[in-house]
Amino acid sequence: MPSFFYFYLISVLTVLLFRVVNSAEKRANHNAIERARRDSLNNRFQEIADCIPSLKDLKKPSKTIVMQKTLEYVRVVQPRFERQQAELERLRRVMTTIIKKFLICLCYFEKKTGKRAAQN
């Protein structure tokens, strides 16, 4: 009878030990994944900080400072971007008008001279 008891006890201890090891492996795996996620997030914050002129001189600004300065920068750049987009659209319209006038002059020249203006 004692050998059966020892066998049972060893089996139970083995199962418990496996559960503890398995739990520790799961925890270690989770910790590694979480560390990688945090490192990735911190790297992205540093990349953003490197793009903001007012943060160029700071070695490791806090996440709060990075977000604050990024928002300030976007608020300054956004209106400038919108003005440049409007100017670009205005210049496209001017260019279209100039091309149309050029083509009209070209047609007039060809009719007047009877020659094609440009032949390749």
PDB file of N, CA and C in Angstrom:
ATOM      1  N   MET A   1       0.808  -1.200   0.000  1.00  0.00           N
ATOM      2  CA  MET A   1       0.000   0.000   0.000  1.00  0.00           C
ATOM      3  C   MET A   1       0.855   1.270   0.000  1.00  0.00           C
ATOM      4  N   PRO A   2       1.970   1.306   0.736  1.00  0.00           N
ATOM      5  CA  PRO A   2       2.762   2.519   0.749  1.00  0.00           C
ATOM      6  C   PRO A   2       3.307   2.877  -0.634  1.00  0.00           C
ATOM      7  N   SER A   3       3.653   1.891  -1.463  1.00  0.00           N
ATOM      8  CA  SER A   3       4.188   2.225  -2.784  1.00  0.00           C
ATOM      9  C   SER A   3       3.133   2.935  -3.640  1.00  0.00           C
ATOM     10  N   PHE A   4       1.883   2.539  -3.529  1.00  0.00           N
ATOM     11  CA  PHE A   4       0.810   3.217  -4.261  1.00  0.00           C
ATOM     12  C   PHE A   4       0.673   4.652  -3.780  1.00  0.00           C
ATOM     13  N   PHE A   5       0.763   4.843  -2.463  1.00  0.00           N
ATOM     14  CA  PHE A   5       0.646   6.181  -1.891  1.00  0.00           C
ATOM     15  C   PHE A   5       1.781   7.077  -2.393  1.00  0.00           C
ATOM     16  N   TYR A   6       3.001   6.546  -2.404  1.00  0.00           N
ATOM     17  CA  TYR A   6       4.146   7.319  -2.897  1.00  0.00           C
ATOM     18  C   TYR A   6       4.008   7.639  -4.384  1.00  0.00           C
ATOM     19  N   PHE A   7       3.512   6.674  -5.140  1.00  0.00           N
ATOM     20  CA  PHE A   7       3.286   6.905  -6.563  1.00  0.00           C
ATOM     21  C   PHE A   7       2.251   8.008  -6.772  1.00  0.00           C
ATOM     22  N   TYR A   8       1.170   7.959  -6.008  1.00  0.00           N
ATOM     23  CA  TYR A   8       0.121   8.973  -6.092  1.00  0.00           C
ATOM     24  C   TYR A   8       0.676  10.334  -5.687  1.00  0.00           C
ATOM     25  N   LEU A   9       1.428  10.380  -4.602  1.00  0.00           N
ATOM     26  CA  LEU A   9       2.004  11.624  -4.117  1.00  0.00           C
ATOM     27  C   LEU A   9       2.966  12.219  -5.147  1.00  0.00           C
ATOM     28  N   ILE A  10       3.787  11.395  -5.733  1.00  0.00           N
ATOM     29  CA  ILE A  10       4.721  11.863  -6.763  1.00  0.00           C
ATOM     30  C   ILE A  10       3.949  12.383  -7.975  1.00  0.00           C
ATOM     31  N   SER A  11       2.887  11.712  -8.356  1.00  0.00           N
ATOM     32  CA  SER A  11       2.068  12.163  -9.492  1.00  0.00           C
ATOM     33  C   SER A  11       1.451  13.521  -9.216  1.00  0.00           C
ATOM     34  N   VAL A  12       0.894  13.696  -8.046  1.00  0.00           N
ATOM     35  CA  VAL A  12       0.274  14.973  -7.666  1.00  0.00           C
ATOM     36  C   VAL A  12       1.329  16.072  -7.645  1.00  0.00           C
ATOM     37  N   LEU A  13       2.472  15.804  -7.047  1.00  0.00           N
ATOM     38  CA  LEU A  13       3.538  16.801  -6.998  1.00  0.00           C
ATOM     39  C   LEU A  13       4.040  17.160  -8.393  1.00  0.00           C
ATOM     40  N   THR A  14       4.122  16.176  -9.257  1.00  0.00           N
ATOM     41  CA  THR A  14       4.547  16.428 -10.640  1.00  0.00           C
ATOM     42  C   THR A  14       3.557  17.356 -11.343  1.00  0.00           C
ATOM     43  N   VAL A  15       2.274  17.077 -11.180  1.00  0.00           N
ATOM     44  CA  VAL A  15       1.247  17.927 -11.805  1.00  0.00           C
ATOM     45  C   VAL A  15       1.323  19.340 -11.245  1.00  0.00           C
ATOM     46  N   LEU A  16       1.449  19.457  -9.944  1.00  0.00           N
ATOM     47  CA  LEU A  16       1.544  20.790  -9.329  1.00  0.00           C
ATOM     48  C   LEU A  16       2.782  21.533  -9.804  1.00  0.00           C
ATOM     49  N   LEU A  17       3.898  20.846  -9.868  1.00  0.00           N
ATOM     50  CA  LEU A  17       5.131  21.460 -10.343  1.00  0.00           C
ATOM     51  C   LEU A  17       4.989  21.918 -11.795  1.00  0.00           C
ATOM     52  N   PHE A  18       4.353  21.085 -12.637  1.00  0.00           N
ATOM     53  CA  PHE A  18       4.126  21.455 -14.038  1.00  0.00           C
ATOM     54  C   PHE A  18       3.273  22.702 -14.134  1.00  0.00           C
ATOM     55  N   ARG A  19       2.245  22.769 -13.286  1.00  0.00           N
ATOM     56  CA  ARG A  19       1.375  23.957 -13.298  1.00  0.00           C
ATOM     57  C   ARG A  19       2.136  25.209 -12.893  1.00  0.00           C
ATOM     58  N   VAL A  20       2.990  25.100 -11.884  1.00  0.00           N
ATOM     59  CA  VAL A  20       3.774  26.250 -11.429  1.00  0.00           C
ATOM     60  C   VAL A  20       4.737  26.688 -12.531  1.00  0.00           C
ATOM     61  N   VAL A  21       5.429  25.724 -13.159  1.00  0.00           N
ATOM     62  CA  VAL A  21       6.376  26.044 -14.235  1.00  0.00           C
ATOM     63  C   VAL A  21       5.622  26.637 -15.422  1.00  0.00           C
ATOM     64  N   ASN A  22       4.494  26.015 -15.771  1.00  0.00           N
ATOM     65  CA  ASN A  22       3.700  26.506 -16.894  1.00  0.00           C
ATOM     66  C   ASN A  22       3.200  27.925 -16.607  1.00  0.00           C
ATOM     67  N   SER A  23       2.753  28.176 -15.380  1.00  0.00           N
ATOM     68  CA  SER A  23       2.285  29.502 -14.995  1.00  0.00           C
ATOM     69  C   SER A  23       3.435  30.508 -15.062  1.00  0.00           C
ATOM     70  N   ALA A  24       4.603  30.102 -14.593  1.00  0.00           N
ATOM     71  CA  ALA A  24       5.769  30.997 -14.641  1.00  0.00           C
ATOM     72  C   ALA A  24       6.171  31.291 -16.078  1.00  0.00           C
ATOM     73  N   GLU A  25       6.102  30.281 -16.949  1.00  0.00           N
ATOM     74  CA  GLU A  25       6.413  30.501 -18.366  1.00  0.00           C
ATOM     75  C   GLU A  25       5.419  31.461 -18.994  1.00  0.00           C
ATOM     76  N   LYS A  26       4.141  31.268 -18.679  1.00  0.00           N
ATOM     77  CA  LYS A  26       3.117  32.170 -19.223  1.00  0.00           C
ATOM     78  C   LYS A  26       3.362  33.594 -18.752  1.00  0.00           C
ATOM     79  N   ARG A  27       3.670  33.755 -17.468  1.00  0.00           N
ATOM     80  CA  ARG A  27       3.915  35.084 -16.915  1.00  0.00           C
ATOM     81  C   ARG A  27       5.150  35.704 -17.574  1.00  0.00           C
ATOM     82  N   ALA A  28       6.202  34.914 -17.730  1.00  0.00           N
ATOM     83  CA  ALA A  28       7.426  35.418 -18.361  1.00  0.00           C
ATOM     84  C   ALA A  28       7.167  35.805 -19.810  1.00  0.00           C
ATOM     85  N   ASN A  29       6.395  34.993 -20.504  1.00  0.00           N
ATOM     86  CA  ASN A  29       6.051  35.290 -21.896  1.00  0.00           C
ATOM     87  C   ASN A  29       5.226  36.576 -21.979  1.00  0.00           C
ATOM     88  N   HIS A  30       4.253  36.696 -21.106  1.00  0.00           N
ATOM     89  CA  HIS A  30       3.424  37.904 -21.080  1.00  0.00           C
ATOM     90  C   HIS A  30       4.283  39.132 -20.775  1.00  0.00           C
ATOM     91  N   ASN A  31       5.188  39.004 -19.806  1.00  0.00           N
ATOM     92  CA  ASN A  31       6.065  40.128 -19.466  1.00  0.00           C
ATOM     93  C   ASN A  31       6.949  40.535 -20.640  1.00  0.00           C
ATOM     94  N   ALA A  32       7.448  39.555 -21.370  1.00  0.00           N
ATOM     95  CA  ALA A  32       8.293  39.856 -22.534  1.00  0.00           C
ATOM     96  C   ALA A  32       7.492  40.575 -23.618  1.00  0.00           C
ATOM     97  N   ILE A  33       6.276  40.108 -23.856  1.00  0.00           N
ATOM     98  CA  ILE A  33       5.414  40.751 -24.863  1.00  0.00           C
ATOM     99  C   ILE A  33       5.084  42.174 -24.444  1.00  0.00           C
ATOM    100  N   GLU A  34       4.749  42.353 -23.178  1.00  0.00           N
ATOM    101  CA  GLU A  34       4.413  43.689 -22.671  1.00  0.00           C
ATOM    102  C   GLU A  34       5.627  44.618 -22.738  1.00  0.00           C
ATOM    103  N   ARG A  35       6.817  44.110 -22.418  1.00  0.00           N
ATOM    104  CA  ARG A  35       8.041  44.914 -22.499  1.00  0.00           C
ATOM    105  C   ARG A  35       8.290  45.343 -23.945  1.00  0.00           C
ATOM    106  N   ALA A  36       8.095  44.441 -24.884  1.00  0.00           N
ATOM    107  CA  ALA A  36       8.291  44.772 -26.302  1.00  0.00           C
ATOM    108  C   ALA A  36       7.289  45.832 -26.749  1.00  0.00           C
ATOM    109  N   ARG A  37       6.051  45.729 -26.271  1.00  0.00           N
ATOM    110  CA  ARG A  37       5.028  46.725 -26.620  1.00  0.00           C
ATOM    111  C   ARG A  37       5.413  48.097 -26.073  1.00  0.00           C
ATOM    112  N   ARG A  38       5.847  48.139 -24.816  1.00  0.00           N
ATOM    113  CA  ARG A  38       6.266  49.408 -24.212  1.00  0.00           C
ATOM    114  C   ARG A  38       7.472  50.000 -24.936  1.00  0.00           C
ATOM    115  N   ASP A  39       8.443  49.160 -25.264  1.00  0.00           N
ATOM    116  CA  ASP A  39       9.625  49.637 -25.985  1.00  0.00           C
ATOM    117  C   ASP A  39       9.242  50.212 -27.342  1.00  0.00           C
ATOM    118  N   SER A  40       8.342  49.538 -28.028  1.00  0.00           N
ATOM    119  CA  SER A  40       7.889  50.018 -29.340  1.00  0.00           C
ATOM    120  C   SER A  40       7.183  51.365 -29.198  1.00  0.00           C
ATOM    121  N   LEU A  41       6.321  51.465 -28.212  1.00  0.00           N
ATOM    122  CA  LEU A  41       5.600  52.717 -27.983  1.00  0.00           C
ATOM    123  C   LEU A  41       6.572  53.847 -27.628  1.00  0.00           C
ATOM    124  N   ASN A  42       7.529  53.560 -26.768  1.00  0.00           N
ATOM    125  CA  ASN A  42       8.519  54.575 -26.405  1.00  0.00           C
ATOM    126  C   ASN A  42       9.352  55.000 -27.610  1.00  0.00           C
ATOM    127  N   ASN A  43       9.684  54.055 -28.478  1.00  0.00           N
ATOM    128  CA  ASN A  43      10.434  54.393 -29.698  1.00  0.00           C
ATOM    129  C   ASN A  43       9.613  55.305 -30.596  1.00  0.00           C
ATOM    130  N   ARG A  44       8.320  55.055 -30.700  1.00  0.00           N
ATOM    131  CA  ARG A  44       7.459  55.914 -31.535  1.00  0.00           C
ATOM    132  C   ARG A  44       7.382  57.328 -30.963  1.00  0.00           C
ATOM    133  N   PHE A  45       7.297  57.430 -29.639  1.00  0.00           N
ATOM    134  CA  PHE A  45       7.293  58.757 -29.017  1.00  0.00           C
ATOM    135  C   PHE A  45       8.601  59.485 -29.327  1.00  0.00           C
ATOM    136  N   GLN A  46       9.722  58.772 -29.281  1.00  0.00           N
ATOM    137  CA  GLN A  46      11.009  59.404 -29.578  1.00  0.00           C
ATOM    138  C   GLN A  46      11.074  59.825 -31.051  1.00  0.00           C
ATOM    139  N   GLU A  47      10.517  59.015 -31.955  1.00  0.00           N
ATOM    140  CA  GLU A  47      10.489  59.383 -33.376  1.00  0.00           C
ATOM    141  C   GLU A  47       9.671  60.644 -33.591  1.00  0.00           C
ATOM    142  N   ILE A  48       8.539  60.744 -32.892  1.00  0.00           N
ATOM    143  CA  ILE A  48       7.723  61.954 -32.995  1.00  0.00           C
ATOM    144  C   ILE A  48       8.513  63.143 -32.461  1.00  0.00           C
ATOM    145  N   ALA A  49       9.150  62.967 -31.308  1.00  0.00           N
ATOM    146  CA  ALA A  49       9.927  64.059 -30.703  1.00  0.00           C
ATOM    147  C   ALA A  49      11.030  64.533 -31.652  1.00  0.00           C
ATOM    148  N   ASP A  50      11.631  63.607 -32.388  1.00  0.00           N
ATOM    149  CA  ASP A  50      12.696  63.978 -33.325  1.00  0.00           C
ATOM    150  C   ASP A  50      12.176  64.814 -34.488  1.00  0.00           C
ATOM    151  N   CYS A  51      10.884  64.752 -34.757  1.00  0.00           N
ATOM    152  CA  CYS A  51      10.290  65.506 -35.870  1.00  0.00           C
ATOM    153  C   CYS A  51       9.821  66.903 -35.461  1.00  0.00           C
ATOM    154  N   ILE A  52       9.751  67.170 -34.188  1.00  0.00           N
ATOM    155  CA  ILE A  52       9.237  68.448 -33.699  1.00  0.00           C
ATOM    156  C   ILE A  52      10.413  69.376 -33.406  1.00  0.00           C
ATOM    157  N   PRO A  53      10.471  70.531 -34.092  1.00  0.00           N
ATOM    158  CA  PRO A  53      11.620  71.428 -33.936  1.00  0.00           C
ATOM    159  C   PRO A  53      11.900  71.843 -32.489  1.00  0.00           C
ATOM    160  N   SER A  54      10.872  72.125 -31.707  1.00  0.00           N
ATOM    161  CA  SER A  54      11.096  72.591 -30.330  1.00  0.00           C
ATOM    162  C   SER A  54      11.596  71.482 -29.405  1.00  0.00           C
ATOM    163  N   LEU A  55      11.584  70.235 -29.869  1.00  0.00           N
ATOM    164  CA  LEU A  55      12.054  69.109 -29.051  1.00  0.00           C
ATOM    165  C   LEU A  55      13.391  68.559 -29.526  1.00  0.00           C
ATOM    166  N   LYS A  56      13.957  69.153 -30.563  1.00  0.00           N
ATOM    167  CA  LYS A  56      15.210  68.642 -31.140  1.00  0.00           C
ATOM    168  C   LYS A  56      16.340  68.581 -30.117  1.00  0.00           C
ATOM    169  N   ASP A  57      16.415  69.573 -29.231  1.00  0.00           N
ATOM    170  CA  ASP A  57      17.537  69.657 -28.301  1.00  0.00           C
ATOM    171  C   ASP A  57      17.363  68.795 -27.054  1.00  0.00           C
ATOM    172  N   LEU A  58      16.148  68.321 -26.802  1.00  0.00           N
ATOM    173  CA  LEU A  58      15.909  67.489 -25.621  1.00  0.00           C
ATOM    174  C   LEU A  58      16.252  66.037 -25.917  1.00  0.00           C
ATOM    175  N   LYS A  59      17.014  65.417 -25.021  1.00  0.00           N
ATOM    176  CA  LYS A  59      17.446  64.039 -25.250  1.00  0.00           C
ATOM    177  C   LYS A  59      16.302  63.049 -25.089  1.00  0.00           C
ATOM    178  N   LYS A  60      15.569  63.123 -23.988  1.00  0.00           N
ATOM    179  CA  LYS A  60      14.485  62.180 -23.731  1.00  0.00           C
ATOM    180  C   LYS A  60      13.313  62.923 -23.088  1.00  0.00           C
ATOM    181  N   PRO A  61      12.520  63.650 -23.885  1.00  0.00           N
ATOM    182  CA  PRO A  61      11.390  64.373 -23.298  1.00  0.00           C
ATOM    183  C   PRO A  61      10.315  63.388 -22.829  1.00  0.00           C
ATOM    184  N   SER A  62       9.534  63.816 -21.846  1.00  0.00           N
ATOM    185  CA  SER A  62       8.453  62.959 -21.349  1.00  0.00           C
ATOM    186  C   SER A  62       7.373  62.830 -22.416  1.00  0.00           C
ATOM    187  N   LYS A  63       6.559  61.805 -22.279  1.00  0.00           N
ATOM    188  CA  LYS A  63       5.471  61.587 -23.241  1.00  0.00           C
ATOM    189  C   LYS A  63       4.495  62.755 -23.231  1.00  0.00           C
ATOM    190  N   THR A  64       4.266  63.317 -22.055  1.00  0.00           N
ATOM    191  CA  THR A  64       3.359  64.462 -21.945  1.00  0.00           C
ATOM    192  C   THR A  64       3.905  65.650 -22.720  1.00  0.00           C
ATOM    193  N   ILE A  65       5.197  65.926 -22.569  1.00  0.00           N
ATOM    194  CA  ILE A  65       5.824  67.037 -23.296  1.00  0.00           C
ATOM    195  C   ILE A  65       5.778  66.774 -24.797  1.00  0.00           C
ATOM    196  N   VAL A  66       6.054  65.536 -25.206  1.00  0.00           N
ATOM    197  CA  VAL A  66       6.019  65.190 -26.638  1.00  0.00           C
ATOM    198  C   VAL A  66       4.634  65.467 -27.204  1.00  0.00           C
ATOM    199  N   MET A  67       3.598  65.021 -26.506  1.00  0.00           N
ATOM    200  CA  MET A  67       2.230  65.237 -27.003  1.00  0.00           C
ATOM    201  C   MET A  67       1.868  66.722 -27.009  1.00  0.00           C
ATOM    202  N   GLN A  68       2.234  67.431 -25.952  1.00  0.00           N
ATOM    203  CA  GLN A  68       1.926  68.855 -25.859  1.00  0.00           C
ATOM    204  C   GLN A  68       2.602  69.637 -26.994  1.00  0.00           C
ATOM    205  N   LYS A  69       3.901  69.413 -27.188  1.00  0.00           N
ATOM    206  CA  LYS A  69       4.636  70.139 -28.227  1.00  0.00           C
ATOM    207  C   LYS A  69       4.186  69.718 -29.627  1.00  0.00           C
ATOM    208  N   THR A  70       3.799  68.460 -29.781  1.00  0.00           N
ATOM    209  CA  THR A  70       3.298  68.001 -31.077  1.00  0.00           C
ATOM    210  C   THR A  70       1.993  68.705 -31.422  1.00  0.00           C
ATOM    211  N   LEU A  71       1.092  68.800 -30.457  1.00  0.00           N
ATOM    212  CA  LEU A  71      -0.168  69.506 -30.695  1.00  0.00           C
ATOM    213  C   LEU A  71       0.080  70.977 -31.027  1.00  0.00           C
ATOM    214  N   GLU A  72       1.000  71.619 -30.300  1.00  0.00           N
ATOM    215  CA  GLU A  72       1.331  73.018 -30.599  1.00  0.00           C
ATOM    216  C   GLU A  72       1.861  73.145 -32.024  1.00  0.00           C
ATOM    217  N   TYR A  73       2.742  72.242 -32.398  1.00  0.00           N
ATOM    218  CA  TYR A  73       3.341  72.285 -33.735  1.00  0.00           C
ATOM    219  C   TYR A  73       2.278  72.089 -34.824  1.00  0.00           C
ATOM    220  N   VAL A  74       1.389  71.134 -34.615  1.00  0.00           N
ATOM    221  CA  VAL A  74       0.331  70.881 -35.602  1.00  0.00           C
ATOM    222  C   VAL A  74      -0.575  72.101 -35.723  1.00  0.00           C
ATOM    223  N   ARG A  75      -0.870  72.738 -34.600  1.00  0.00           N
ATOM    224  CA  ARG A  75      -1.735  73.931 -34.638  1.00  0.00           C
ATOM    225  C   ARG A  75      -1.075  75.086 -35.389  1.00  0.00           C
ATOM    226  N   VAL A  76       0.238  75.141 -35.378  1.00  0.00           N
ATOM    227  CA  VAL A  76       0.952  76.191 -36.113  1.00  0.00           C
ATOM    228  C   VAL A  76       1.059  75.816 -37.597  1.00  0.00           C
ATOM    229  N   VAL A  77       1.348  74.564 -37.872  1.00  0.00           N
ATOM    230  CA  VAL A  77       1.611  74.126 -39.248  1.00  0.00           C
ATOM    231  C   VAL A  77       0.325  73.978 -40.060  1.00  0.00           C
ATOM    232  N   GLN A  78      -0.756  73.562 -39.423  1.00  0.00           N
ATOM    233  CA  GLN A  78      -2.012  73.308 -40.148  1.00  0.00           C
ATOM    234  C   GLN A  78      -2.503  74.513 -40.945  1.00  0.00           C
ATOM    235  N   PRO A  79      -2.615  75.704 -40.356  1.00  0.00           N
ATOM    236  CA  PRO A  79      -3.062  76.859 -41.153  1.00  0.00           C
ATOM    237  C   PRO A  79      -2.105  77.177 -42.304  1.00  0.00           C
ATOM    238  N   ARG A  80      -0.809  77.037 -42.042  1.00  0.00           N
ATOM    239  CA  ARG A  80       0.183  77.283 -43.097  1.00  0.00           C
ATOM    240  C   ARG A  80      -0.024  76.305 -44.251  1.00  0.00           C
ATOM    241  N   PHE A  81      -0.239  75.052 -43.921  1.00  0.00           N
ATOM    242  CA  PHE A  81      -0.481  74.026 -44.937  1.00  0.00           C
ATOM    243  C   PHE A  81      -1.736  74.357 -45.744  1.00  0.00           C
ATOM    244  N   GLU A  82      -2.795  74.758 -45.054  1.00  0.00           N
ATOM    245  CA  GLU A  82      -4.042  75.092 -45.752  1.00  0.00           C
ATOM    246  C   GLU A  82      -3.853  76.286 -46.684  1.00  0.00           C
ATOM    247  N   ARG A  83      -3.073  77.291 -46.243  1.00  0.00           N
ATOM    248  CA  ARG A  83      -2.786  78.436 -47.124  1.00  0.00           C
ATOM    249  C   ARG A  83      -1.991  77.996 -48.343  1.00  0.00           C
ATOM    250  N   GLN A  84      -1.027  77.125 -48.147  1.00  0.00           N
ATOM    251  CA  GLN A  84      -0.222  76.642 -49.272  1.00  0.00           C
ATOM    252  C   GLN A  84      -1.064  75.815 -50.235  1.00  0.00           C
ATOM    253  N   GLN A  85      -1.989  75.039 -49.712  1.00  0.00           N
ATOM    254  CA  GLN A  85      -2.875  74.261 -50.577  1.00  0.00           C
ATOM    255  C   GLN A  85      -3.752  75.185 -51.421  1.00  0.00           C
ATOM    256  N   ALA A  86      -4.262  76.241 -50.799  1.00  0.00           N
ATOM    257  CA  ALA A  86      -5.086  77.212 -51.523  1.00  0.00           C
ATOM    258  C   ALA A  86      -4.260  77.910 -52.601  1.00  0.00           C
ATOM    259  N   GLU A  87      -3.021  78.280 -52.270  1.00  0.00           N
ATOM    260  CA  GLU A  87      -2.134  78.928 -53.249  1.00  0.00           C
ATOM    261  C   GLU A  87      -1.811  77.984 -54.400  1.00  0.00           C
ATOM    262  N   LEU A  88      -1.580  76.729 -54.088  1.00  0.00           N
ATOM    263  CA  LEU A  88      -1.320  75.733 -55.125  1.00  0.00           C
ATOM    264  C   LEU A  88      -2.516  75.611 -56.075  1.00  0.00           C
ATOM    265  N   GLU A  89      -3.701  75.576 -55.517  1.00  0.00           N
ATOM    266  CA  GLU A  89      -4.909  75.485 -56.354  1.00  0.00           C
ATOM    267  C   GLU A  89      -5.060  76.740 -57.214  1.00  0.00           C
ATOM    268  N   ARG A  90      -4.771  77.909 -56.656  1.00  0.00           N
ATOM    269  CA  ARG A  90      -4.839  79.153 -57.427  1.00  0.00           C
ATOM    270  C   ARG A  90      -3.840  79.121 -58.574  1.00  0.00           C
ATOM    271  N   LEU A  91      -2.618  78.665 -58.310  1.00  0.00           N
ATOM    272  CA  LEU A  91      -1.599  78.595 -59.354  1.00  0.00           C
ATOM    273  C   LEU A  91      -1.966  77.586 -60.439  1.00  0.00           C
ATOM    274  N   ARG A  92      -2.615  76.503 -60.055  1.00  0.00           N
ATOM    275  CA  ARG A  92      -3.088  75.543 -61.071  1.00  0.00           C
ATOM    276  C   ARG A  92      -4.116  76.185 -61.996  1.00  0.00           C
ATOM    277  N   ARG A  93      -5.015  76.977 -61.417  1.00  0.00           N
ATOM    278  CA  ARG A  93      -6.018  77.660 -62.252  1.00  0.00           C
ATOM    279  C   ARG A  93      -5.343  78.664 -63.187  1.00  0.00           C
ATOM    280  N   VAL A  94      -4.356  79.399 -62.674  1.00  0.00           N
ATOM    281  CA  VAL A  94      -3.619  80.368 -63.501  1.00  0.00           C
ATOM    282  C   VAL A  94      -2.913  79.631 -64.630  1.00  0.00           C
ATOM    283  N   MET A  95      -2.259  78.520 -64.311  1.00  0.00           N
ATOM    284  CA  MET A  95      -1.545  77.753 -65.325  1.00  0.00           C
ATOM    285  C   MET A  95      -2.511  77.232 -66.398  1.00  0.00           C
ATOM    286  N   THR A  96      -3.663  76.768 -65.980  1.00  0.00           N
ATOM    287  CA  THR A  96      -4.662  76.279 -66.943  1.00  0.00           C
ATOM    288  C   THR A  96      -5.099  77.409 -67.871  1.00  0.00           C
ATOM    289  N   THR A  97      -5.316  78.574 -67.314  1.00  0.00           N
ATOM    290  CA  THR A  97      -5.708  79.732 -68.127  1.00  0.00           C
ATOM    291  C   THR A  97      -4.596  80.094 -69.114  1.00  0.00           C
ATOM    292  N   ILE A  98      -3.357  80.089 -68.663  1.00  0.00           N
ATOM    293  CA  ILE A  98      -2.225  80.428 -69.546  1.00  0.00           C
ATOM    294  C   ILE A  98      -2.114  79.401 -70.676  1.00  0.00           C
ATOM    295  N   ILE A  99      -2.263  78.124 -70.352  1.00  0.00           N
ATOM    296  CA  ILE A  99      -2.182  77.093 -71.388  1.00  0.00           C
ATOM    297  C   ILE A  99      -3.296  77.273 -72.410  1.00  0.00           C
ATOM    298  N   LYS A 100      -4.503  77.571 -71.937  1.00  0.00           N
ATOM    299  CA  LYS A 100      -5.621  77.790 -72.870  1.00  0.00           C
ATOM    300  C   LYS A 100      -5.336  78.978 -73.786  1.00  0.00           C
ATOM    301  N   LYS A 101      -4.821  80.065 -73.219  1.00  0.00           N
ATOM    302  CA  LYS A 101      -4.505  81.244 -74.036  1.00  0.00           C
ATOM    303  C   LYS A 101      -3.385  80.934 -75.025  1.00  0.00           C
ATOM    304  N   PHE A 102      -2.385  80.159 -74.589  1.00  0.00           N
ATOM    305  CA  PHE A 102      -1.311  79.781 -75.472  1.00  0.00           C
ATOM    306  C   PHE A 102      -1.834  78.961 -76.652  1.00  0.00           C
ATOM    307  N   LEU A 103      -2.705  77.996 -76.355  1.00  0.00           N
ATOM    308  CA  LEU A 103      -3.260  77.162 -77.425  1.00  0.00           C
ATOM    309  C   LEU A 103      -4.092  77.981 -78.403  1.00  0.00           C
ATOM    310  N   ILE A 104      -4.827  78.964 -77.903  1.00  0.00           N
ATOM    311  CA  ILE A 104      -5.603  79.842 -78.782  1.00  0.00           C
ATOM    312  C   ILE A 104      -4.654  80.628 -79.689  1.00  0.00           C
ATOM    313  N   CYS A 105      -3.574  81.169 -79.111  1.00  0.00           N
ATOM    314  CA  CYS A 105      -2.586  81.911 -79.905  1.00  0.00           C
ATOM    315  C   CYS A 105      -1.915  80.996 -80.927  1.00  0.00           C
ATOM    316  N   LEU A 106      -1.631  79.774 -80.540  1.00  0.00           N
ATOM    317  CA  LEU A 106      -0.989  78.814 -81.425  1.00  0.00           C
ATOM    318  C   LEU A 106      -1.896  78.508 -82.621  1.00  0.00           C
ATOM    319  N   CYS A 107      -3.177  78.289 -82.328  1.00  0.00           N
ATOM    320  CA  CYS A 107      -4.133  78.030 -83.416  1.00  0.00           C
ATOM    321  C   CYS A 107      -4.241  79.243 -84.343  1.00  0.00           C
ATOM    322  N   TYR A 108      -4.270  80.432 -83.762  1.00  0.00           N
ATOM    323  CA  TYR A 108      -4.348  81.643 -84.561  1.00  0.00           C
ATOM    324  C   TYR A 108      -3.113  81.767 -85.444  1.00  0.00           C
ATOM    325  N   PHE A 109      -1.918  81.498 -84.884  1.00  0.00           N
ATOM    326  CA  PHE A 109      -0.667  81.560 -85.640  1.00  0.00           C
ATOM    327  C   PHE A 109      -0.688  80.571 -86.802  1.00  0.00           C
ATOM    328  N   GLU A 110      -1.134  79.340 -86.535  1.00  0.00           N
ATOM    329  CA  GLU A 110      -1.157  78.317 -87.578  1.00  0.00           C
ATOM    330  C   GLU A 110      -2.127  78.700 -88.699  1.00  0.00           C
ATOM    331  N   LYS A 111      -3.271  79.270 -88.337  1.00  0.00           N
ATOM    332  CA  LYS A 111      -4.231  79.685 -89.370  1.00  0.00           C
ATOM    333  C   LYS A 111      -3.670  80.849 -90.177  1.00  0.00           C
ATOM    334  N   LYS A 112      -3.020  81.770 -89.501  1.00  0.00           N
ATOM    335  CA  LYS A 112      -2.494  82.954 -90.163  1.00  0.00           C
ATOM    336  C   LYS A 112      -1.342  82.615 -91.074  1.00  0.00           C
ATOM    337  N   THR A 113      -0.444  81.726 -90.657  1.00  0.00           N
ATOM    338  CA  THR A 113       0.738  81.418 -91.448  1.00  0.00           C
ATOM    339  C   THR A 113       0.559  80.189 -92.330  1.00  0.00           C
ATOM    340  N   GLY A 114      -0.402  79.363 -91.992  1.00  0.00           N
ATOM    341  CA  GLY A 114      -0.594  78.124 -92.741  1.00  0.00           C
ATOM    342  C   GLY A 114       0.432  77.057 -92.393  1.00  0.00           C
ATOM    343  N   LYS A 115       1.189  77.289 -91.358  1.00  0.00           N
ATOM    344  CA  LYS A 115       2.215  76.336 -90.953  1.00  0.00           C
ATOM    345  C   LYS A 115       1.888  75.836 -89.540  1.00  0.00           C
ATOM    346  N   ARG A 116       2.404  74.612 -89.283  1.00  0.00           N
ATOM    347  CA  ARG A 116       2.315  74.110 -87.919  1.00  0.00           C
ATOM    348  C   ARG A 116       3.433  74.744 -87.121  1.00  0.00           C
ATOM    349  N   ALA A 117       3.132  75.140 -85.909  1.00  0.00           N
ATOM    350  CA  ALA A 117       4.117  75.846 -85.091  1.00  0.00           C
ATOM    351  C   ALA A 117       5.252  74.929 -84.645  1.00  0.00           C
ATOM    352  N   ALA A 118       4.936  73.690 -84.294  1.00  0.00           N
ATOM    353  CA  ALA A 118       5.990  72.776 -83.801  1.00  0.00           C
ATOM    354  C   ALA A 118       5.775  71.411 -84.414  1.00  0.00           C
ATOM    355  N   GLN A 119       6.784  70.934 -85.087  1.00  0.00           N
ATOM    356  CA  GLN A 119       6.727  69.599 -85.646  1.00  0.00           C
ATOM    357  C   GLN A 119       7.911  68.809 -85.124  1.00  0.00           C
ATOM    358  N   ASN A 120       7.641  67.656 -84.601  1.00  0.00           N
ATOM    359  CA  ASN A 120       8.730  66.823 -84.050  1.00  0.00           C
ATOM    360  C   ASN A 120       9.257  65.890 -85.078  1.00  0.00           C
TER     361      ASN A 120
END
